[in-house]
Structure formats: C-alpha cells, structure tokens
Protein backbone atom coordinates (compact mmCIF):
# COMPACT_ATOMS: atom_id res chain seq x y z
CA VAL A 1 -8.61 -13.34 12.48
CA LYS A 2 -9.87 -9.80 12.02
CA ALA A 3 -7.40 -7.00 12.56
CA ASN A 4 -8.45 -3.60 13.81
CA ALA A 5 -6.12 -2.04 11.24
CA LEU A 6 -3.10 -2.75 9.06
CA ILE A 7 -0.26 -0.27 9.47
CA TYR A 8 1.93 -0.14 6.35
CA PRO A 9 4.25 2.90 6.37
CA SER A 10 6.53 3.08 3.35
CA VAL A 11 9.18 5.64 2.39
CA TRP A 12 11.80 6.45 -0.24
CA ALA A 13 15.19 5.21 0.97
CA ALA A 14 17.97 7.73 1.53
CA ASN A 15 19.75 6.34 -1.55
CA GLY A 16 16.65 6.89 -3.69
CA ASP A 17 15.56 3.25 -3.70
CA ASN A 18 11.82 2.77 -4.04
CA GLU A 19 10.14 -0.62 -4.19
CA GLY A 20 7.29 0.79 -6.29
CA GLY A 21 4.04 -1.06 -6.87
CA ILE A 22 1.78 -2.07 -4.05
CA GLY A 23 2.32 -4.87 -1.59
CA THR A 24 0.05 -7.88 -1.96
CA VAL A 25 -0.79 -7.63 1.73
CA LEU A 26 -2.48 -4.27 1.01
CA LEU A 27 -4.67 -5.83 -1.67
CA GLU A 28 -5.53 -8.74 0.63
CA ALA A 29 -6.36 -6.41 3.52
CA GLN A 30 -8.76 -4.42 1.32
CA VAL A 31 -10.53 -7.57 0.12
CA VAL A 32 -11.29 -8.68 3.68
CA GLY A 33 -12.25 -5.16 4.79
CA THR A 34 -9.33 -4.34 7.08
CA PRO A 35 -8.77 -0.60 7.58
CA ILE A 36 -5.35 0.48 6.29
CA VAL A 37 -3.03 3.15 7.65
CA SER A 38 -0.24 3.94 5.19
CA THR A 39 1.72 6.71 3.49
CA TYR A 40 1.47 8.72 0.29
CA HIS A 41 4.37 6.80 -1.22
CA ALA A 42 5.07 5.58 -4.76
CA ASP A 43 2.04 3.70 -6.11
CA LEU A 44 0.27 3.26 -2.78
CA PRO A 45 -2.27 6.07 -3.26
CA TYR A 46 -3.21 4.56 -6.66
CA GLY A 47 -3.41 0.96 -5.49
CA LEU A 48 -5.47 1.74 -2.44
CA ALA A 49 -9.13 2.49 -2.94
CA SER A 50 -10.30 6.04 -2.29
CA VAL A 51 -12.94 4.80 0.10
CA PRO A 52 -13.63 5.07 3.81
CA GLY A 53 -11.28 2.91 5.85
CA ILE A 54 -8.11 3.96 3.99
CA TYR A 55 -6.01 6.43 6.01
CA LEU A 56 -2.92 7.96 4.37
CA THR A 57 -0.33 10.37 5.70
CA THR A 58 2.96 11.83 4.52
CA GLU A 59 6.14 9.77 4.56
CA ARG A 60 8.20 9.78 7.76
CA SER A 61 5.43 11.43 9.77
CA VAL A 62 5.14 9.48 13.00
CA ASP A 63 2.57 11.99 14.26
CA GLY A 64 0.60 11.54 11.04
CA LEU A 65 0.63 7.75 11.41
CA VAL A 66 -0.48 8.00 15.03
CA ALA A 67 -3.30 10.39 14.09
CA ARG A 68 -4.48 8.18 11.20
CA LEU A 69 -4.30 5.04 13.35
CA ARG A 70 -6.27 6.74 16.09
CA GLN A 71 -8.84 7.83 13.49
CA ALA A 72 -9.07 4.28 12.11
CA LEU A 73 -9.58 2.80 15.56
CA VAL A 74 -12.20 5.37 16.55
CA GLU A 75 -14.18 5.23 13.30
CA GLN A 76 -13.96 1.43 12.94
CA VAL A 77 -14.86 1.66 9.24
CA ARG A 78 -14.27 -1.54 7.27
CA VAL A 79 -12.90 -1.14 3.74
CA ASP A 80 -15.21 -2.04 0.86
CA GLY A 81 -13.21 -4.66 -1.04
CA ARG A 82 -14.99 -4.19 -4.38
CA PHE A 83 -12.17 -1.95 -5.65
CA VAL A 84 -9.65 -4.79 -5.44
CA ARG A 85 -12.04 -7.49 -6.61
CA GLU A 86 -12.87 -5.42 -9.72
CA ARG A 87 -9.31 -4.36 -10.59
CA HIS A 88 -7.24 -7.32 -9.45
CA ASP A 89 -9.36 -10.36 -10.27
CA VAL A 90 -7.02 -13.15 -11.40
CA GLN A 91 -9.41 -14.45 -14.05
CA LYS A 92 -9.78 -10.99 -15.61
CA GLU A 93 -6.05 -10.28 -15.41
CA VAL A 94 -5.15 -13.54 -17.15
CA VAL A 95 -7.46 -12.67 -20.04
CA ARG A 96 -5.96 -9.15 -20.29
CA LEU A 97 -2.43 -10.53 -20.25
CA GLU A 98 -3.22 -13.10 -22.94
CA GLU A 99 -4.76 -10.35 -25.10
CA LYS A 100 -1.57 -8.30 -24.80
CA TYR A 101 0.59 -11.29 -25.75
CA GLN A 102 -1.64 -11.97 -28.74
CA MET A 103 -1.43 -8.33 -29.83
CA LEU A 104 2.38 -8.45 -29.68
CA LEU A 105 2.46 -11.71 -31.63
CA ASN A 106 0.18 -10.23 -34.29
CA ARG A 107 2.39 -7.15 -34.56
CA ARG A 108 5.46 -9.29 -35.02
CA ARG A 109 3.77 -11.30 -37.80
CA ASN A 110 2.94 -8.07 -39.62
CA VAL A 111 6.52 -6.79 -39.58
CA VAL A 112 8.07 -6.88 -43.04
CA VAL A 113 11.77 -7.69 -43.04
CA ALA A 114 13.61 -6.15 -46.00
C-alpha cells in the first residue's frame, strides 16, 4: 500500500524527556519513497535525508504541520531512498559493528596491568 505521506510529529516532553534517535518507521518510509512530514526534533533532521519529499517544521506547530502536509500532497514528490540504503544497510552495519568490537578487543589485549 502506498501512502500519500507519513506524518510523524515529535516533541520534547514537558519534563524534558526525549526519545532521541530516529524511528524505524521513518527509515522504512524513506526506503519505499513515502513523503514524510515531521518536526525539527532531536535526531530527526539528521536521520532524514535532505532531499525532496521530506517536509520539516518546528515542534508543536500545528499550522506548520498543516502547511507541510499540504505541500507534500500538492507536490507529490516521492523520497529517494538511497540515503537510507547507503547509511543503514544491515550488511554494512554488521561489518562496522564487528570492526568496532575487534578494535576494543585489541585495545584490551594491549593494556599492561602493573
């Protein structure tokens, strides 16, 4: 099923809580080309590609969300999913993670205990 847009507003909680990161649904939406309407919140601007089809507005701005959604529906620009495929490929990430573990193991082996 193709969606016309994914609306994903996110805000800092009144108590300062912030989920951080980027929701998997946002990565999945980009891969399949779904336009995204979201907020400049936490890591979202960094995890979303800076490409056509991504529409961001300030937190808690209902008018901003409405304007960005209207823009997304009028423009009907699909997101180019290459950004996510290049930066979030499971095969590449596994290799990177294993390299980091190996580096840490090597460091530990080189520590001299007096």
